[in-house]
Every structure is written in C-alpha cells, then in structure tokens.
Amino acid sequence: MPLPEQVSFTGDAAKLAGHLFLPDNADLDAAPAPGVVVAGTWTSVKEQMADRYAEQLARRGFAALSFDFTGYGESGGEPRDFESPELKVRDLRAAADFLSGHPAVGDGVLGALGVCAGAMYASALAAEDARVGSLALVAPWLHDRRICEENYGGPEGIEAKKAAAAEARRRYEETGEVDYVPVVSGSDPNAAMPFDIDFYLDPQRGGIPQWSNRFAVMAWTGWLDFDAVAIAPRLTAPVLLVHSEDAAIPDGARRFHADLAGSRQFLWTEGTQFDFYDQSPQVGFAADAAAEHFARTL
C-alpha cells in the first residue's frame, strides 16, 4: 500500500501542506512515474477524499499529490475556510509546479483529477496551463448561472446570498472578523448545504477533526459567479468524466461534456454523490477509469 510523504510547497498566498503518494516500486533506480494533481471537493481537506484518490492512483503506478488549499487544513493562509475558486486554481498551479519538479515524477505533461467542485478548479487549471495534458473529473459539480439558480433558490436566492456575502466582506475588511455558517447542517437553513449529509457528519467517513464544517459567508459571490461550463470550449486536453444520474447536477456535466473542444469520454455508473468520495465500488470504478485514461493520454 503506498504511504504518503508529507510535503510542503509555496502557493501564491501561503505555504501549502500536501501528501505525495508514490507507487510501491518507486525508488532511486526506478523510472520516474507520471504525475497527477488531485483536487477534492469544495470546503474539504485532503484527508476526506483527495488522499483516497491519490492513494488509489499510486496503487496504479502514478505519482499523485493531494493537498490542503490555502486557508484549509494544515495549509497556511487567512481567512480560514474561505472558498475562493480563483485562489484554488492558483493553488493548483503551485501544486503542478511542485509535482513537475519532483525527482520521482517523470518529465512532460501532468494529469489532474478533480472530485465534485474540484472538477471546476482542475478544469480551469487545464484550460490555462499547458502542463496539464489530461483531465479526469469524478462526480463533477460543474455549474453556471442557470444551474446555480436551480440549486440556490432562483435569481432571488442568488442575490440574497450575494448581499449577505457583501455585508460579510464589509465586516471582515472593517474588523477582521469572519462570518461563518456551517457547511452542512440539517437544522440551520443558512448552511451552505442545509441537509443532514452522512458523509460529512459521520466521523468514520468525512466528519473528521481536520475538517471544521464552516463556510465563510463572504465566499458566496466568488462561488456563485464562477462559470465552469464556459471553461469547456477552452479545454483541448483529453477529458474523462465519471458520473451518475443519482449524483449532483448531472445536467451540468452533460452540458460541459457537449462543449468540450478536445477528445472526451463520459462513463456513467451508479451511486450517490457522496458514494464517490469514499465508498466501494464507486471509488474503485472511478480510480480504474482515471488510471486507464491517464495511461492512455499522458
């Protein structure tokens, strides 16, 4: 079983902490392995699902890097638990810098794997960084304005969240205090996900001590204004999507897939969104598909 190496590297805004998973046969005499950067879901820390996919890829012969984004987990940066798509894309670029320069990683292009909202950030990186030569998106959350309206209470719901974000931003700039709501809560209607979601609440799954279950209210504007579907026409690297009709916003994934400029493959399977984070057979199916895709395209 590949064991993670604790690593750190410098992002634009902070020092970032990561886990580098290398194939079992990696040693000084072995040929360098192809590298893959792994991005987990929004608000997540590396131990929740990015580590799992990085470890699975290392089992299949890849050097895979998972890490905490700026302001999350073991990484530095303030404010904490602030979901910034723009900053997360910059963090992924820093991760690509680190991974491409590691002696255990082969020269040439890298792969990128994104889970849920990590698919948006990995896609944005691939659209602007030629080092990303192949992309795998697992249970991808890929939204635009229309999908945000469908999921956040229509135009009125969007504007209410952005108004709250503006007020929270004003307060932060004046006082340095961050307004937070829970990421997940079935009892708080202001939670980012106002539902009881077992993955995030079960300490045996994603409800781990490293994850704080809080969402900075001022982050709503950047999240809601990020248009992932519009990225698709700018992607020329081969793209694999693995999804389920019972997972999150499959319509967004279909529209994204239809607009891709390069080669593309869409694999449909079964399972809920959260099954793809830590459950069998979904994780194994997605990891097998991603490994085959990267082996063929990197």
Protein backbone atom coordinates (compact mmCIF):
# COMPACT_ATOMS: atom_id res chain seq x y z
CA MET A 1 0.00 0.00 0.00
CA PRO A 2 1.54 3.35 -0.99
CA LEU A 3 2.28 5.52 2.03
CA PRO A 4 2.07 9.31 1.78
CA GLU A 5 5.11 11.52 2.06
CA GLN A 6 4.45 14.73 3.94
CA VAL A 7 5.37 17.59 1.63
CA SER A 8 5.01 21.35 1.55
CA PHE A 9 5.31 23.94 -1.16
CA THR A 10 4.70 27.64 -1.62
CA GLY A 11 1.48 28.94 -3.11
CA ASP A 12 0.70 32.50 -4.12
CA ALA A 13 -0.80 33.31 -0.73
CA ALA A 14 0.56 30.78 1.75
CA LYS A 15 2.66 27.70 2.41
CA LEU A 16 0.64 24.65 1.38
CA ALA A 17 0.74 21.21 3.00
CA GLY A 18 0.32 18.05 0.97
CA HIS A 19 0.67 14.31 0.74
CA LEU A 20 2.66 12.81 -2.10
CA PHE A 21 1.74 9.20 -2.89
CA LEU A 22 4.29 7.27 -4.93
CA PRO A 23 3.95 3.81 -6.49
CA ASP A 24 5.14 0.94 -4.32
CA ASN A 25 8.02 0.28 -6.68
CA ALA A 26 9.25 3.89 -6.60
CA ASP A 27 12.89 4.08 -5.59
CA LEU A 28 16.04 5.82 -6.71
CA ASP A 29 16.61 3.33 -9.52
CA ALA A 30 13.02 3.19 -10.78
CA ALA A 31 11.89 5.16 -13.77
CA PRO A 32 10.02 8.35 -12.81
CA ALA A 33 6.26 7.96 -12.66
CA PRO A 34 3.70 10.14 -14.43
CA GLY A 35 2.36 12.79 -12.07
CA VAL A 36 -1.26 13.64 -11.20
CA VAL A 37 -2.53 16.54 -9.08
CA VAL A 38 -5.72 15.70 -7.14
CA ALA A 39 -8.30 18.29 -6.07
CA GLY A 40 -11.02 17.45 -3.55
CA THR A 41 -14.48 18.94 -3.13
CA TRP A 42 -15.32 22.47 -2.01
CA THR A 43 -14.53 23.21 1.66
CA SER A 44 -12.73 19.87 2.01
CA VAL A 45 -9.38 18.91 3.48
CA LYS A 46 -7.07 16.41 1.83
CA GLU A 47 -7.90 13.59 4.26
CA GLN A 48 -11.56 13.49 3.22
CA MET A 49 -11.35 12.34 -0.41
CA ALA A 50 -8.27 13.74 -2.20
CA ASP A 51 -5.95 11.42 -0.24
CA ARG A 52 -8.13 8.46 -1.16
CA TYR A 53 -7.88 9.12 -4.89
CA ALA A 54 -4.19 9.96 -4.72
CA GLU A 55 -3.51 6.67 -2.94
CA GLN A 56 -5.61 4.75 -5.46
CA LEU A 57 -3.70 6.33 -8.35
CA ALA A 58 -0.36 5.48 -6.72
CA ARG A 59 -1.51 1.85 -6.49
CA ARG A 60 -1.95 2.04 -10.27
CA GLY A 61 1.51 3.42 -10.99
CA PHE A 62 1.16 7.20 -10.72
CA ALA A 63 2.82 9.79 -8.51
CA ALA A 64 -0.20 11.61 -7.08
CA LEU A 65 -0.31 14.76 -4.98
CA SER A 66 -3.17 15.72 -2.68
CA PHE A 67 -3.00 18.89 -0.61
CA ASP A 68 -4.88 21.39 1.51
CA PHE A 69 -5.84 24.57 -0.28
CA THR A 70 -4.98 27.97 1.16
CA GLY A 71 -6.85 28.53 4.41
CA TYR A 72 -7.79 24.87 4.86
CA GLY A 73 -6.42 22.03 6.97
CA GLU A 74 -2.68 22.10 7.54
CA SER A 75 -2.01 24.82 4.95
CA GLY A 76 -1.42 28.41 5.89
CA GLY A 77 -3.40 31.41 4.83
CA GLU A 78 -6.11 33.73 6.09
CA PRO A 79 -9.05 33.95 6.23
CA ARG A 80 -9.63 30.32 7.12
CA ASP A 81 -12.23 28.18 5.36
CA PHE A 82 -12.79 30.72 2.62
CA GLU A 83 -13.93 29.09 -0.63
CA SER A 84 -12.27 31.06 -3.43
CA PRO A 85 -12.34 29.42 -6.88
CA GLU A 86 -9.77 31.92 -8.16
CA LEU A 87 -7.35 31.20 -5.33
CA LYS A 88 -7.87 27.45 -5.56
CA VAL A 89 -6.91 27.50 -9.24
CA ARG A 90 -3.74 29.37 -8.31
CA ASP A 91 -3.05 26.79 -5.60
CA LEU A 92 -3.40 24.02 -8.17
CA ARG A 93 -0.86 25.78 -10.37
CA ALA A 94 1.55 25.85 -7.42
CA ALA A 95 0.88 22.15 -6.86
CA ALA A 96 1.68 21.50 -10.52
CA ASP A 97 4.94 23.46 -10.09
CA PHE A 98 5.91 21.28 -7.14
CA LEU A 99 4.91 17.98 -8.69
CA SER A 100 6.53 18.61 -12.06
CA GLY A 101 9.82 19.42 -10.33
CA HIS A 102 9.88 16.38 -8.04
CA PRO A 103 12.61 13.83 -8.88
CA ALA A 104 10.18 10.89 -8.64
CA VAL A 105 7.92 12.41 -11.30
CA GLY A 106 8.53 11.96 -14.99
CA ASP A 107 9.20 14.83 -17.34
CA GLY A 108 6.40 16.01 -19.55
CA VAL A 109 2.74 16.69 -19.01
CA LEU A 110 0.79 16.08 -15.81
CA GLY A 111 -2.66 14.73 -15.16
CA ALA A 112 -5.24 16.44 -12.99
CA LEU A 113 -8.13 14.74 -11.20
CA GLY A 114 -10.97 16.72 -9.64
CA VAL A 115 -13.72 15.37 -7.39
CA CYS A 116 -17.05 17.25 -7.23
CA ALA A 117 -16.23 21.00 -7.19
CA GLY A 118 -12.56 20.10 -7.58
CA ALA A 119 -13.58 19.32 -11.17
CA MET A 120 -14.27 23.02 -11.74
CA TYR A 121 -10.91 24.05 -10.39
CA ALA A 122 -8.95 21.33 -12.18
CA SER A 123 -10.68 22.23 -15.44
CA ALA A 124 -9.82 25.90 -15.01
CA LEU A 125 -6.18 24.97 -14.43
CA ALA A 126 -6.09 22.73 -17.51
CA ALA A 127 -7.61 25.47 -19.66
CA GLU A 128 -4.75 27.84 -18.87
CA ASP A 129 -1.75 25.60 -18.14
CA ALA A 130 -0.30 23.50 -20.97
CA ARG A 131 1.47 21.25 -18.47
CA VAL A 132 -1.90 19.61 -17.74
CA GLY A 133 -2.14 17.13 -20.57
CA SER A 134 -5.06 15.04 -19.33
CA LEU A 135 -8.05 15.59 -17.07
CA ALA A 136 -10.29 13.21 -15.09
CA LEU A 137 -13.44 14.53 -13.40
CA VAL A 138 -15.17 12.34 -10.80
CA ALA A 139 -18.80 13.06 -9.84
CA PRO A 140 -18.14 16.55 -11.17
CA TRP A 141 -20.02 19.58 -9.90
CA LEU A 142 -19.89 21.89 -12.92
CA HIS A 143 -22.15 24.92 -12.60
CA ASP A 144 -23.06 28.10 -14.38
CA ARG A 145 -25.59 30.81 -13.56
CA ARG A 146 -28.55 28.68 -14.65
CA ILE A 147 -27.52 25.73 -12.52
CA CYS A 148 -26.82 27.99 -9.53
CA GLU A 149 -30.31 29.44 -9.82
CA GLU A 150 -31.77 25.93 -9.94
CA ASN A 151 -29.89 24.93 -6.79
CA TYR A 152 -29.89 28.12 -4.73
CA GLY A 153 -33.43 29.44 -4.86
CA GLY A 154 -33.61 31.16 -8.23
CA PRO A 155 -32.43 34.71 -9.01
CA GLU A 156 -33.77 35.94 -5.65
CA GLY A 157 -31.86 33.27 -3.76
CA ILE A 158 -28.66 34.13 -5.61
CA GLU A 159 -28.98 37.85 -4.89
CA ALA A 160 -29.76 37.21 -1.22
CA LYS A 161 -26.60 35.13 -0.82
CA LYS A 162 -24.52 37.75 -2.64
CA ALA A 163 -25.96 40.50 -0.46
CA ALA A 164 -25.04 38.52 2.65
CA ALA A 165 -21.57 37.99 1.19
CA ALA A 166 -21.13 41.72 0.58
CA GLU A 167 -22.11 42.52 4.16
CA ALA A 168 -19.76 39.82 5.48
CA ARG A 169 -16.95 41.17 3.31
CA ARG A 170 -17.55 44.71 4.63
CA ARG A 171 -17.43 43.46 8.21
CA TYR A 172 -14.25 41.47 7.56
CA GLU A 173 -12.50 44.45 5.99
CA GLU A 174 -13.51 46.73 8.87
CA THR A 175 -12.94 44.37 11.80
CA GLY A 176 -11.01 41.34 10.57
CA GLU A 177 -13.80 39.09 11.81
CA VAL A 178 -15.13 36.37 9.52
CA ASP A 179 -18.83 35.47 9.47
CA TYR A 180 -19.27 31.71 9.18
CA VAL A 181 -22.19 29.36 8.65
CA PRO A 182 -21.99 25.56 8.74
CA VAL A 183 -21.06 23.79 5.54
CA VAL A 184 -23.53 21.01 6.40
CA SER A 185 -26.47 21.21 8.79
CA GLY A 186 -29.98 19.85 8.67
CA SER A 187 -31.11 22.37 11.31
CA ASP A 188 -29.54 25.64 10.05
CA PRO A 189 -31.23 26.96 6.88
CA ASN A 190 -28.27 29.27 6.30
CA ALA A 191 -25.81 26.38 5.98
CA ALA A 192 -24.00 26.10 2.67
CA MET A 193 -25.61 22.64 2.35
CA PRO A 194 -28.71 22.74 4.59
CA PHE A 195 -29.13 18.98 4.83
CA ASP A 196 -28.02 16.17 7.10
CA ILE A 197 -25.35 14.57 4.91
CA ASP A 198 -23.95 11.39 6.41
CA PHE A 199 -20.55 11.66 4.74
CA TYR A 200 -19.80 14.99 6.44
CA LEU A 201 -21.41 14.16 9.79
CA ASP A 202 -20.08 10.62 10.31
CA PRO A 203 -16.63 10.67 11.99
CA GLN A 204 -15.89 7.33 10.31
CA ARG A 205 -16.30 9.00 6.90
CA GLY A 206 -15.78 12.72 6.29
CA GLY A 207 -16.66 14.17 9.69
CA ILE A 208 -13.02 14.15 10.75
CA PRO A 209 -11.24 16.50 13.20
CA GLN A 210 -9.22 18.14 10.40
CA TRP A 211 -12.42 19.49 8.84
CA SER A 212 -14.07 22.44 10.57
CA ASN A 213 -17.55 22.35 8.96
CA ARG A 214 -17.69 26.09 8.43
CA PHE A 215 -18.17 28.25 5.37
CA ALA A 216 -17.13 31.90 5.17
CA VAL A 217 -20.28 33.81 4.14
CA MET A 218 -18.27 36.31 2.11
CA ALA A 219 -17.24 33.46 -0.22
CA TRP A 220 -20.70 33.14 -1.79
CA THR A 221 -20.08 35.72 -4.51
CA GLY A 222 -16.96 34.08 -5.92
CA TRP A 223 -18.59 30.66 -5.80
CA LEU A 224 -21.84 31.69 -7.46
CA ASP A 225 -20.17 33.79 -10.17
CA PHE A 226 -17.78 31.04 -11.23
CA ASP A 227 -18.89 29.64 -14.60
CA ALA A 228 -17.40 26.18 -15.06
CA VAL A 229 -19.49 25.26 -18.09
CA ALA A 230 -17.92 28.15 -20.00
CA ILE A 231 -14.48 26.59 -19.49
CA ALA A 232 -15.27 23.54 -21.64
CA PRO A 233 -14.68 25.11 -25.09
CA ARG A 234 -11.19 26.18 -23.96
CA LEU A 235 -10.13 22.67 -22.95
CA THR A 236 -8.01 20.88 -25.52
CA ALA A 237 -6.58 18.18 -23.22
CA PRO A 238 -8.39 14.80 -23.24
CA VAL A 239 -11.15 14.74 -20.62
CA LEU A 240 -12.78 11.82 -18.81
CA LEU A 241 -15.98 12.31 -16.82
CA VAL A 242 -17.28 9.66 -14.39
CA HIS A 243 -20.76 10.37 -13.06
CA SER A 244 -24.13 9.00 -12.02
CA GLU A 245 -27.67 10.18 -12.61
CA ASP A 246 -28.14 9.95 -8.83
CA ALA A 247 -25.14 12.21 -8.11
CA ALA A 248 -25.02 16.01 -8.15
CA ILE A 249 -26.18 18.07 -11.15
CA PRO A 250 -25.61 15.56 -13.95
CA ASP A 251 -27.12 18.13 -16.35
CA GLY A 252 -24.14 20.42 -15.77
CA ALA A 253 -21.75 17.57 -16.57
CA ARG A 254 -23.67 16.76 -19.76
CA ARG A 255 -23.57 20.36 -20.95
CA PHE A 256 -19.88 20.66 -20.07
CA HIS A 257 -19.13 17.44 -21.96
CA ALA A 258 -21.03 18.60 -25.03
CA ASP A 259 -18.99 21.82 -25.22
CA LEU A 260 -15.54 20.25 -24.85
CA ALA A 261 -13.12 21.13 -27.64
CA GLY A 262 -10.85 18.09 -27.38
CA SER A 263 -11.23 14.34 -27.05
CA ARG A 264 -13.69 13.27 -24.39
CA GLN A 265 -15.16 10.23 -22.70
CA PHE A 266 -18.19 10.04 -20.42
CA LEU A 267 -18.68 6.99 -18.20
CA TRP A 268 -21.98 6.61 -16.39
CA THR A 269 -22.27 4.37 -13.35
CA GLU A 270 -24.44 4.12 -10.24
CA GLY A 271 -24.20 5.79 -6.86
CA THR A 272 -24.95 8.98 -4.97
CA GLN A 273 -22.60 11.95 -4.93
CA PHE A 274 -21.10 11.00 -1.60
CA ASP A 275 -20.53 7.40 -2.63
CA PHE A 276 -17.82 8.68 -4.96
CA TYR A 277 -15.96 10.19 -2.02
CA ASP A 278 -15.24 7.03 -0.05
CA GLN A 279 -17.42 4.05 -0.97
CA SER A 280 -16.89 0.83 -2.89
CA PRO A 281 -17.43 0.16 -5.73
CA GLN A 282 -17.65 3.81 -6.82
CA VAL A 283 -14.14 4.88 -5.80
CA GLY A 284 -12.56 1.79 -7.36
CA PHE A 285 -14.54 2.21 -10.57
CA ALA A 286 -13.55 5.88 -10.87
CA ALA A 287 -9.90 5.21 -10.00
CA ASP A 288 -9.66 2.40 -12.54
CA ALA A 289 -11.20 4.59 -15.22
CA ALA A 290 -8.95 7.55 -14.38
CA ALA A 291 -5.81 5.39 -14.35
CA GLU A 292 -6.67 3.90 -17.74
CA HIS A 293 -7.40 7.37 -19.09
CA PHE A 294 -4.13 8.82 -17.80
CA ALA A 295 -2.10 5.82 -19.02
CA ARG A 296 -3.53 6.32 -22.49
CA THR A 297 -3.29 10.10 -22.70
CA LEU A 298 -0.24 11.19 -20.71
